[in-house]
Amino acid sequence: MFPMIKKDGHAIESMFSYYHKLGYTEFTSSKSMLSVAHPTLDEQSLLACNSLVPLLIVETDCIDVTSKRILEYTKIIYRSDKFKYDITID
């Protein structure tokens, strides 16, 4: 999708600005999923945890509304034993 992203990467401060610069101006998401799973061997190594530590997984995508092309797929993995989410309203 973005053959110049490796070269441009150091200067990218916002993916949405980068998409705009390349002519993609309207975005949507087809899904946002929160799930729980046990880590694979690779995830255990990356996250320094054992197989019994449940992981919180957030997956989402970014789609160009006009072309329906998937511009981005994001998967974020959190260790549940280290995760904190502040829901305080100031």
PDB file of N, CA and C in Angstrom:
ATOM      1  N   MET A   1       0.811  -1.207   0.000  1.00  0.00           N
ATOM      2  CA  MET A   1       0.000   0.000   0.000  1.00  0.00           C
ATOM      3  C   MET A   1       0.850   1.264   0.000  1.00  0.00           C
ATOM      4  N   PHE A   2       1.902   1.267   0.798  1.00  0.00           N
ATOM      5  CA  PHE A   2       2.695   2.479   0.975  1.00  0.00           C
ATOM      6  C   PHE A   2       4.180   2.162   0.755  1.00  0.00           C
ATOM      7  N   PRO A   3       4.596   2.104  -0.492  1.00  0.00           N
ATOM      8  CA  PRO A   3       5.974   1.703  -0.790  1.00  0.00           C
ATOM      9  C   PRO A   3       7.042   2.635  -0.226  1.00  0.00           C
ATOM     10  N   MET A   4       6.707   3.873   0.072  1.00  0.00           N
ATOM     11  CA  MET A   4       7.690   4.838   0.571  1.00  0.00           C
ATOM     12  C   MET A   4       7.691   4.960   2.098  1.00  0.00           C
ATOM     13  N   ILE A   5       6.898   4.150   2.775  1.00  0.00           N
ATOM     14  CA  ILE A   5       6.745   4.329   4.225  1.00  0.00           C
ATOM     15  C   ILE A   5       8.055   4.090   4.976  1.00  0.00           C
ATOM     16  N   LYS A   6       8.881   3.176   4.504  1.00  0.00           N
ATOM     17  CA  LYS A   6      10.157   2.940   5.182  1.00  0.00           C
ATOM     18  C   LYS A   6      11.040   4.184   5.111  1.00  0.00           C
ATOM     19  N   LYS A   7      11.079   4.808   3.956  1.00  0.00           N
ATOM     20  CA  LYS A   7      11.867   6.031   3.777  1.00  0.00           C
ATOM     21  C   LYS A   7      11.239   7.199   4.536  1.00  0.00           C
ATOM     22  N   ASP A   8       9.914   7.292   4.492  1.00  0.00           N
ATOM     23  CA  ASP A   8       9.200   8.405   5.125  1.00  0.00           C
ATOM     24  C   ASP A   8       9.049   8.240   6.639  1.00  0.00           C
ATOM     25  N   GLY A   9       9.211   7.021   7.127  1.00  0.00           N
ATOM     26  CA  GLY A   9       8.893   6.681   8.513  1.00  0.00           C
ATOM     27  C   GLY A   9       9.453   7.595   9.578  1.00  0.00           C
ATOM     28  N   HIS A  10      10.695   8.002   9.447  1.00  0.00           N
ATOM     29  CA  HIS A  10      11.312   8.843  10.478  1.00  0.00           C
ATOM     30  C   HIS A  10      10.618  10.199  10.626  1.00  0.00           C
ATOM     31  N   ALA A  11       9.952  10.656   9.580  1.00  0.00           N
ATOM     32  CA  ALA A  11       9.307  11.976   9.609  1.00  0.00           C
ATOM     33  C   ALA A  11       7.810  11.898   9.936  1.00  0.00           C
ATOM     34  N   ILE A  12       7.254  10.699  10.005  1.00  0.00           N
ATOM     35  CA  ILE A  12       5.818  10.546  10.261  1.00  0.00           C
ATOM     36  C   ILE A  12       5.537  10.784  11.743  1.00  0.00           C
ATOM     37  N   GLU A  13       4.722  11.786  12.008  1.00  0.00           N
ATOM     38  CA  GLU A  13       4.297  12.075  13.379  1.00  0.00           C
ATOM     39  C   GLU A  13       2.861  11.625  13.615  1.00  0.00           C
ATOM     40  N   SER A  14       2.092  11.497  12.537  1.00  0.00           N
ATOM     41  CA  SER A  14       0.704  11.077  12.614  1.00  0.00           C
ATOM     42  C   SER A  14       0.382  10.250  11.377  1.00  0.00           C
ATOM     43  N   MET A  15      -0.119   9.043  11.598  1.00  0.00           N
ATOM     44  CA  MET A  15      -0.480   8.208  10.447  1.00  0.00           C
ATOM     45  C   MET A  15      -1.636   8.845   9.668  1.00  0.00           C
ATOM     46  N   PHE A  16      -2.585   9.453  10.374  1.00  0.00           N
ATOM     47  CA  PHE A  16      -3.705  10.070   9.671  1.00  0.00           C
ATOM     48  C   PHE A  16      -3.243  11.228   8.798  1.00  0.00           C
ATOM     49  N   SER A  17      -2.282  12.013   9.264  1.00  0.00           N
ATOM     50  CA  SER A  17      -1.712  13.082   8.433  1.00  0.00           C
ATOM     51  C   SER A  17      -0.999  12.485   7.223  1.00  0.00           C
ATOM     52  N   TYR A  18      -0.303  11.389   7.436  1.00  0.00           N
ATOM     53  CA  TYR A  18       0.390  10.700   6.338  1.00  0.00           C
ATOM     54  C   TYR A  18      -0.616  10.209   5.300  1.00  0.00           C
ATOM     55  N   TYR A  19      -1.709   9.610   5.768  1.00  0.00           N
ATOM     56  CA  TYR A  19      -2.760   9.153   4.846  1.00  0.00           C
ATOM     57  C   TYR A  19      -3.337  10.328   4.067  1.00  0.00           C
ATOM     58  N   HIS A  20      -3.614  11.434   4.748  1.00  0.00           N
ATOM     59  CA  HIS A  20      -4.141  12.640   4.084  1.00  0.00           C
ATOM     60  C   HIS A  20      -3.191  13.104   2.986  1.00  0.00           C
ATOM     61  N   LYS A  21      -1.909  13.143   3.296  1.00  0.00           N
ATOM     62  CA  LYS A  21      -0.900  13.578   2.338  1.00  0.00           C
ATOM     63  C   LYS A  21      -0.921  12.709   1.068  1.00  0.00           C
ATOM     64  N   LEU A  22      -1.282  11.431   1.227  1.00  0.00           N
ATOM     65  CA  LEU A  22      -1.323  10.505   0.094  1.00  0.00           C
ATOM     66  C   LEU A  22      -2.707  10.433  -0.563  1.00  0.00           C
ATOM     67  N   GLY A  23      -3.624  11.302  -0.138  1.00  0.00           N
ATOM     68  CA  GLY A  23      -4.922  11.397  -0.795  1.00  0.00           C
ATOM     69  C   GLY A  23      -6.057  10.649  -0.131  1.00  0.00           C
ATOM     70  N   TYR A  24      -5.798   9.998   0.980  1.00  0.00           N
ATOM     71  CA  TYR A  24      -6.855   9.310   1.722  1.00  0.00           C
ATOM     72  C   TYR A  24      -7.370  10.277   2.778  1.00  0.00           C
ATOM     73  N   THR A  25      -8.636  10.690   2.650  1.00  0.00           N
ATOM     74  CA  THR A  25      -9.124  11.767   3.519  1.00  0.00           C
ATOM     75  C   THR A  25     -10.285  11.396   4.435  1.00  0.00           C
ATOM     76  N   GLU A  26     -10.971  10.302   4.142  1.00  0.00           N
ATOM     77  CA  GLU A  26     -12.094   9.894   4.990  1.00  0.00           C
ATOM     78  C   GLU A  26     -11.847   8.473   5.469  1.00  0.00           C
ATOM     79  N   PHE A  27     -11.922   8.281   6.794  1.00  0.00           N
ATOM     80  CA  PHE A  27     -11.608   6.991   7.377  1.00  0.00           C
ATOM     81  C   PHE A  27     -12.766   6.451   8.198  1.00  0.00           C
ATOM     82  N   THR A  28     -12.788   5.145   8.328  1.00  0.00           N
ATOM     83  CA  THR A  28     -13.724   4.473   9.217  1.00  0.00           C
ATOM     84  C   THR A  28     -13.047   3.205   9.717  1.00  0.00           C
ATOM     85  N   SER A  29     -13.707   2.529  10.618  1.00  0.00           N
ATOM     86  CA  SER A  29     -13.211   1.261  11.124  1.00  0.00           C
ATOM     87  C   SER A  29     -14.311   0.232  10.956  1.00  0.00           C
ATOM     88  N   SER A  30     -13.960  -0.954  10.476  1.00  0.00           N
ATOM     89  CA  SER A  30     -14.982  -1.990  10.315  1.00  0.00           C
ATOM     90  C   SER A  30     -15.155  -2.801  11.590  1.00  0.00           C
ATOM     91  N   LYS A  31     -14.132  -2.746  12.460  1.00  0.00           N
ATOM     92  CA  LYS A  31     -14.243  -3.484  13.715  1.00  0.00           C
ATOM     93  C   LYS A  31     -13.265  -2.943  14.734  1.00  0.00           C
ATOM     94  N   SER A  32     -13.638  -3.103  15.984  1.00  0.00           N
ATOM     95  CA  SER A  32     -12.736  -2.892  17.113  1.00  0.00           C
ATOM     96  C   SER A  32     -13.085  -3.991  18.101  1.00  0.00           C
ATOM     97  N   MET A  33     -12.122  -4.846  18.370  1.00  0.00           N
ATOM     98  CA  MET A  33     -12.383  -6.040  19.168  1.00  0.00           C
ATOM     99  C   MET A  33     -11.458  -6.082  20.380  1.00  0.00           C
ATOM    100  N   LEU A  34     -12.033  -6.357  21.546  1.00  0.00           N
ATOM    101  CA  LEU A  34     -11.268  -6.578  22.767  1.00  0.00           C
ATOM    102  C   LEU A  34     -11.448  -8.041  23.130  1.00  0.00           C
ATOM    103  N   SER A  35     -10.322  -8.755  23.305  1.00  0.00           N
ATOM    104  CA  SER A  35     -10.409 -10.168  23.661  1.00  0.00           C
ATOM    105  C   SER A  35      -9.347 -10.523  24.684  1.00  0.00           C
ATOM    106  N   VAL A  36      -9.472 -11.712  25.234  1.00  0.00           N
ATOM    107  CA  VAL A  36      -8.524 -12.237  26.202  1.00  0.00           C
ATOM    108  C   VAL A  36      -8.004 -13.566  25.670  1.00  0.00           C
ATOM    109  N   ALA A  37      -6.686 -13.776  25.765  1.00  0.00           N
ATOM    110  CA  ALA A  37      -6.084 -15.028  25.301  1.00  0.00           C
ATOM    111  C   ALA A  37      -4.819 -15.288  26.094  1.00  0.00           C
ATOM    112  N   HIS A  38      -4.370 -16.522  26.055  1.00  0.00           N
ATOM    113  CA  HIS A  38      -3.091 -16.868  26.665  1.00  0.00           C
ATOM    114  C   HIS A  38      -1.996 -16.659  25.619  1.00  0.00           C
ATOM    115  N   PRO A  39      -0.794 -16.286  26.058  1.00  0.00           N
ATOM    116  CA  PRO A  39       0.271 -15.943  25.114  1.00  0.00           C
ATOM    117  C   PRO A  39       0.846 -17.139  24.359  1.00  0.00           C
ATOM    118  N   THR A  40       1.218 -16.863  23.114  1.00  0.00           N
ATOM    119  CA  THR A  40       1.980 -17.840  22.337  1.00  0.00           C
ATOM    120  C   THR A  40       3.412 -17.849  22.877  1.00  0.00           C
ATOM    121  N   LEU A  41       4.229 -18.753  22.398  1.00  0.00           N
ATOM    122  CA  LEU A  41       5.632 -18.790  22.832  1.00  0.00           C
ATOM    123  C   LEU A  41       6.344 -17.482  22.488  1.00  0.00           C
ATOM    124  N   ASP A  42       6.098 -16.953  21.293  1.00  0.00           N
ATOM    125  CA  ASP A  42       6.716 -15.680  20.899  1.00  0.00           C
ATOM    126  C   ASP A  42       6.267 -14.537  21.808  1.00  0.00           C
ATOM    127  N   GLU A  43       4.974 -14.486  22.117  1.00  0.00           N
ATOM    128  CA  GLU A  43       4.447 -13.434  22.984  1.00  0.00           C
ATOM    129  C   GLU A  43       5.013 -13.560  24.402  1.00  0.00           C
ATOM    130  N   GLN A  44       5.180 -14.790  24.881  1.00  0.00           N
ATOM    131  CA  GLN A  44       5.782 -15.000  26.200  1.00  0.00           C
ATOM    132  C   GLN A  44       7.189 -14.421  26.232  1.00  0.00           C
ATOM    133  N   SER A  45       7.927 -14.641  25.173  1.00  0.00           N
ATOM    134  CA  SER A  45       9.294 -14.130  25.091  1.00  0.00           C
ATOM    135  C   SER A  45       9.302 -12.599  25.027  1.00  0.00           C
ATOM    136  N   LEU A  46       8.467 -12.037  24.163  1.00  0.00           N
ATOM    137  CA  LEU A  46       8.416 -10.582  24.008  1.00  0.00           C
ATOM    138  C   LEU A  46       7.939  -9.863  25.265  1.00  0.00           C
ATOM    139  N   LEU A  47       6.974 -10.471  25.950  1.00  0.00           N
ATOM    140  CA  LEU A  47       6.355  -9.818  27.100  1.00  0.00           C
ATOM    141  C   LEU A  47       6.907 -10.302  28.440  1.00  0.00           C
ATOM    142  N   ALA A  48       7.881 -11.183  28.386  1.00  0.00           N
ATOM    143  CA  ALA A  48       8.518 -11.715  29.605  1.00  0.00           C
ATOM    144  C   ALA A  48       7.479 -12.244  30.601  1.00  0.00           C
ATOM    145  N   CYS A  49       6.646 -13.146  30.111  1.00  0.00           N
ATOM    146  CA  CYS A  49       5.629 -13.737  30.972  1.00  0.00           C
ATOM    147  C   CYS A  49       5.537 -15.228  30.675  1.00  0.00           C
ATOM    148  N   ASN A  50       4.842 -15.937  31.547  1.00  0.00           N
ATOM    149  CA  ASN A  50       4.651 -17.367  31.286  1.00  0.00           C
ATOM    150  C   ASN A  50       3.308 -17.615  30.618  1.00  0.00           C
ATOM    151  N   SER A  51       3.043 -18.852  30.296  1.00  0.00           N
ATOM    152  CA  SER A  51       1.853 -19.203  29.513  1.00  0.00           C
ATOM    153  C   SER A  51       0.539 -19.008  30.255  1.00  0.00           C
ATOM    154  N   LEU A  52       0.591 -18.833  31.567  1.00  0.00           N
ATOM    155  CA  LEU A  52      -0.638 -18.688  32.351  1.00  0.00           C
ATOM    156  C   LEU A  52      -1.081 -17.245  32.543  1.00  0.00           C
ATOM    157  N   VAL A  53      -0.302 -16.281  32.072  1.00  0.00           N
ATOM    158  CA  VAL A  53      -0.678 -14.866  32.203  1.00  0.00           C
ATOM    159  C   VAL A  53      -1.640 -14.501  31.077  1.00  0.00           C
ATOM    160  N   PRO A  54      -2.896 -14.227  31.388  1.00  0.00           N
ATOM    161  CA  PRO A  54      -3.836 -13.838  30.334  1.00  0.00           C
ATOM    162  C   PRO A  54      -3.435 -12.498  29.707  1.00  0.00           C
ATOM    163  N   LEU A  55      -3.643 -12.401  28.427  1.00  0.00           N
ATOM    164  CA  LEU A  55      -3.351 -11.170  27.698  1.00  0.00           C
ATOM    165  C   LEU A  55      -4.651 -10.495  27.292  1.00  0.00           C
ATOM    166  N   LEU A  56      -4.650  -9.170  27.342  1.00  0.00           N
ATOM    167  CA  LEU A  56      -5.752  -8.384  26.783  1.00  0.00           C
ATOM    168  C   LEU A  56      -5.320  -7.985  25.378  1.00  0.00           C
ATOM    169  N   ILE A  57      -6.169  -8.230  24.410  1.00  0.00           N
ATOM    170  CA  ILE A  57      -5.831  -7.963  23.018  1.00  0.00           C
ATOM    171  C   ILE A  57      -6.860  -7.008  22.428  1.00  0.00           C
ATOM    172  N   VAL A  58      -6.375  -5.912  21.864  1.00  0.00           N
ATOM    173  CA  VAL A  58      -7.235  -4.933  21.194  1.00  0.00           C
ATOM    174  C   VAL A  58      -6.866  -4.942  19.720  1.00  0.00           C
ATOM    175  N   GLU A  59      -7.849  -5.226  18.864  1.00  0.00           N
ATOM    176  CA  GLU A  59      -7.629  -5.237  17.422  1.00  0.00           C
ATOM    177  C   GLU A  59      -8.577  -4.250  16.751  1.00  0.00           C
ATOM    178  N   THR A  60      -8.054  -3.513  15.804  1.00  0.00           N
ATOM    179  CA  THR A  60      -8.873  -2.571  15.047  1.00  0.00           C
ATOM    180  C   THR A  60      -8.260  -2.352  13.673  1.00  0.00           C
ATOM    181  N   ASP A  61      -9.013  -1.727  12.813  1.00  0.00           N
ATOM    182  CA  ASP A  61      -8.496  -1.407  11.485  1.00  0.00           C
ATOM    183  C   ASP A  61      -8.877   0.018  11.115  1.00  0.00           C
ATOM    184  N   CYS A  62      -8.276   0.504  10.063  1.00  0.00           N
ATOM    185  CA  CYS A  62      -8.576   1.828   9.532  1.00  0.00           C
ATOM    186  C   CYS A  62      -8.798   1.648   8.034  1.00  0.00           C
ATOM    187  N   ILE A  63      -9.972   2.031   7.567  1.00  0.00           N
ATOM    188  CA  ILE A  63     -10.357   1.823   6.171  1.00  0.00           C
ATOM    189  C   ILE A  63     -10.645   3.160   5.510  1.00  0.00           C
ATOM    190  N   ASP A  64     -10.156   3.306   4.285  1.00  0.00           N
ATOM    191  CA  ASP A  64     -10.482   4.488   3.483  1.00  0.00           C
ATOM    192  C   ASP A  64     -11.925   4.344   3.012  1.00  0.00           C
ATOM    193  N   VAL A  65     -12.762   5.330   3.316  1.00  0.00           N
ATOM    194  CA  VAL A  65     -14.191   5.267   2.992  1.00  0.00           C
ATOM    195  C   VAL A  65     -14.421   5.198   1.484  1.00  0.00           C
ATOM    196  N   THR A  66     -13.672   5.973   0.709  1.00  0.00           N
ATOM    197  CA  THR A  66     -13.890   6.049  -0.738  1.00  0.00           C
ATOM    198  C   THR A  66     -13.515   4.753  -1.449  1.00  0.00           C
ATOM    199  N   SER A  67     -12.307   4.266  -1.218  1.00  0.00           N
ATOM    200  CA  SER A  67     -11.823   3.083  -1.949  1.00  0.00           C
ATOM    201  C   SER A  67     -12.116   1.774  -1.227  1.00  0.00           C
ATOM    202  N   LYS A  68     -12.515   1.840   0.028  1.00  0.00           N
ATOM    203  CA  LYS A  68     -12.745   0.654   0.871  1.00  0.00           C
ATOM    204  C   LYS A  68     -11.468  -0.132   1.130  1.00  0.00           C
ATOM    205  N   ARG A  69     -10.308   0.481   0.901  1.00  0.00           N
ATOM    206  CA  ARG A  69      -9.024  -0.180   1.143  1.00  0.00           C
ATOM    207  C   ARG A  69      -8.688  -0.141   2.624  1.00  0.00           C
ATOM    208  N   ILE A  70      -8.157  -1.249   3.116  1.00  0.00           N
ATOM    209  CA  ILE A  70      -7.677  -1.278   4.487  1.00  0.00           C
ATOM    210  C   ILE A  70      -6.318  -0.599   4.507  1.00  0.00           C
ATOM    211  N   LEU A  71      -6.231   0.503   5.240  1.00  0.00           N
ATOM    212  CA  LEU A  71      -4.995   1.255   5.334  1.00  0.00           C
ATOM    213  C   LEU A  71      -4.136   0.768   6.496  1.00  0.00           C
ATOM    214  N   GLU A  72      -4.795   0.222   7.506  1.00  0.00           N
ATOM    215  CA  GLU A  72      -4.066  -0.112   8.721  1.00  0.00           C
ATOM    216  C   GLU A  72      -4.807  -1.199   9.482  1.00  0.00           C
ATOM    217  N   TYR A  73      -4.050  -2.124  10.031  1.00  0.00           N
ATOM    218  CA  TYR A  73      -4.565  -3.117  10.968  1.00  0.00           C
ATOM    219  C   TYR A  73      -3.693  -3.004  12.205  1.00  0.00           C
ATOM    220  N   THR A  74      -4.315  -2.858  13.362  1.00  0.00           N
ATOM    221  CA  THR A  74      -3.573  -2.698  14.601  1.00  0.00           C
ATOM    222  C   THR A  74      -3.974  -3.781  15.590  1.00  0.00           C
ATOM    223  N   LYS A  75      -2.969  -4.400  16.188  1.00  0.00           N
ATOM    224  CA  LYS A  75      -3.193  -5.384  17.244  1.00  0.00           C
ATOM    225  C   LYS A  75      -2.273  -5.004  18.394  1.00  0.00           C
ATOM    226  N   ILE A  76      -2.882  -4.651  19.522  1.00  0.00           N
ATOM    227  CA  ILE A  76      -2.128  -4.256  20.709  1.00  0.00           C
ATOM    228  C   ILE A  76      -2.347  -5.333  21.767  1.00  0.00           C
ATOM    229  N   ILE A  77      -1.251  -5.795  22.350  1.00  0.00           N
ATOM    230  CA  ILE A  77      -1.324  -6.858  23.342  1.00  0.00           C
ATOM    231  C   ILE A  77      -0.802  -6.335  24.680  1.00  0.00           C
ATOM    232  N   TYR A  78      -1.626  -6.502  25.716  1.00  0.00           N
ATOM    233  CA  TYR A  78      -1.267  -6.070  27.064  1.00  0.00           C
ATOM    234  C   TYR A  78      -1.212  -7.283  27.991  1.00  0.00           C
ATOM    235  N   ARG A  79      -0.238  -7.307  28.867  1.00  0.00           N
ATOM    236  CA  ARG A  79      -0.232  -8.296  29.937  1.00  0.00           C
ATOM    237  C   ARG A  79      -1.308  -7.895  30.931  1.00  0.00           C
ATOM    238  N   SER A  80      -2.222  -8.792  31.251  1.00  0.00           N
ATOM    239  CA  SER A  80      -3.313  -8.436  32.166  1.00  0.00           C
ATOM    240  C   SER A  80      -2.814  -8.178  33.585  1.00  0.00           C
ATOM    241  N   ASP A  81      -1.712  -8.793  33.975  1.00  0.00           N
ATOM    242  CA  ASP A  81      -1.203  -8.589  35.331  1.00  0.00           C
ATOM    243  C   ASP A  81      -0.468  -7.257  35.496  1.00  0.00           C
ATOM    244  N   LYS A  82      -0.215  -6.552  34.382  1.00  0.00           N
ATOM    245  CA  LYS A  82       0.463  -5.250  34.427  1.00  0.00           C
ATOM    246  C   LYS A  82      -0.432  -4.115  33.929  1.00  0.00           C
ATOM    247  N   PHE A  83      -1.630  -4.438  33.494  1.00  0.00           N
ATOM    248  CA  PHE A  83      -2.505  -3.479  32.834  1.00  0.00           C
ATOM    249  C   PHE A  83      -3.259  -2.618  33.841  1.00  0.00           C
ATOM    250  N   LYS A  84      -3.281  -1.310  33.582  1.00  0.00           N
ATOM    251  CA  LYS A  84      -4.094  -0.372  34.359  1.00  0.00           C
ATOM    252  C   LYS A  84      -4.754   0.580  33.377  1.00  0.00           C
ATOM    253  N   TYR A  85      -6.018   0.879  33.611  1.00  0.00           N
ATOM    254  CA  TYR A  85      -6.749   1.809  32.764  1.00  0.00           C
ATOM    255  C   TYR A  85      -7.452   2.798  33.677  1.00  0.00           C
ATOM    256  N   ASP A  86      -7.080   4.039  33.600  1.00  0.00           N
ATOM    257  CA  ASP A  86      -7.626   5.084  34.463  1.00  0.00           C
ATOM    258  C   ASP A  86      -8.918   5.608  33.853  1.00  0.00           C
ATOM    259  N   ILE A  87     -10.031   5.355  34.529  1.00  0.00           N
ATOM    260  CA  ILE A  87     -11.329   5.827  34.020  1.00  0.00           C
ATOM    261  C   ILE A  87     -11.883   6.996  34.843  1.00  0.00           C
ATOM    262  N   THR A  88     -10.990   7.646  35.579  1.00  0.00           N
ATOM    263  CA  THR A  88     -11.371   8.805  36.389  1.00  0.00           C
ATOM    264  C   THR A  88     -11.809   9.957  35.492  1.00  0.00           C
ATOM    265  N   ILE A  89     -12.894  10.606  35.874  1.00  0.00           N
ATOM    266  CA  ILE A  89     -13.357  11.785  35.172  1.00  0.00           C
ATOM    267  C   ILE A  89     -13.012  12.984  36.030  1.00  0.00           C
ATOM    268  N   ASP A  90     -12.258  13.895  35.448  1.00  0.00           N
ATOM    269  CA  ASP A  90     -11.856  15.104  36.198  1.00  0.00           C
ATOM    270  C   ASP A  90     -12.923  16.166  36.130  1.00  0.00           C
TER     271      ASP A  90
END
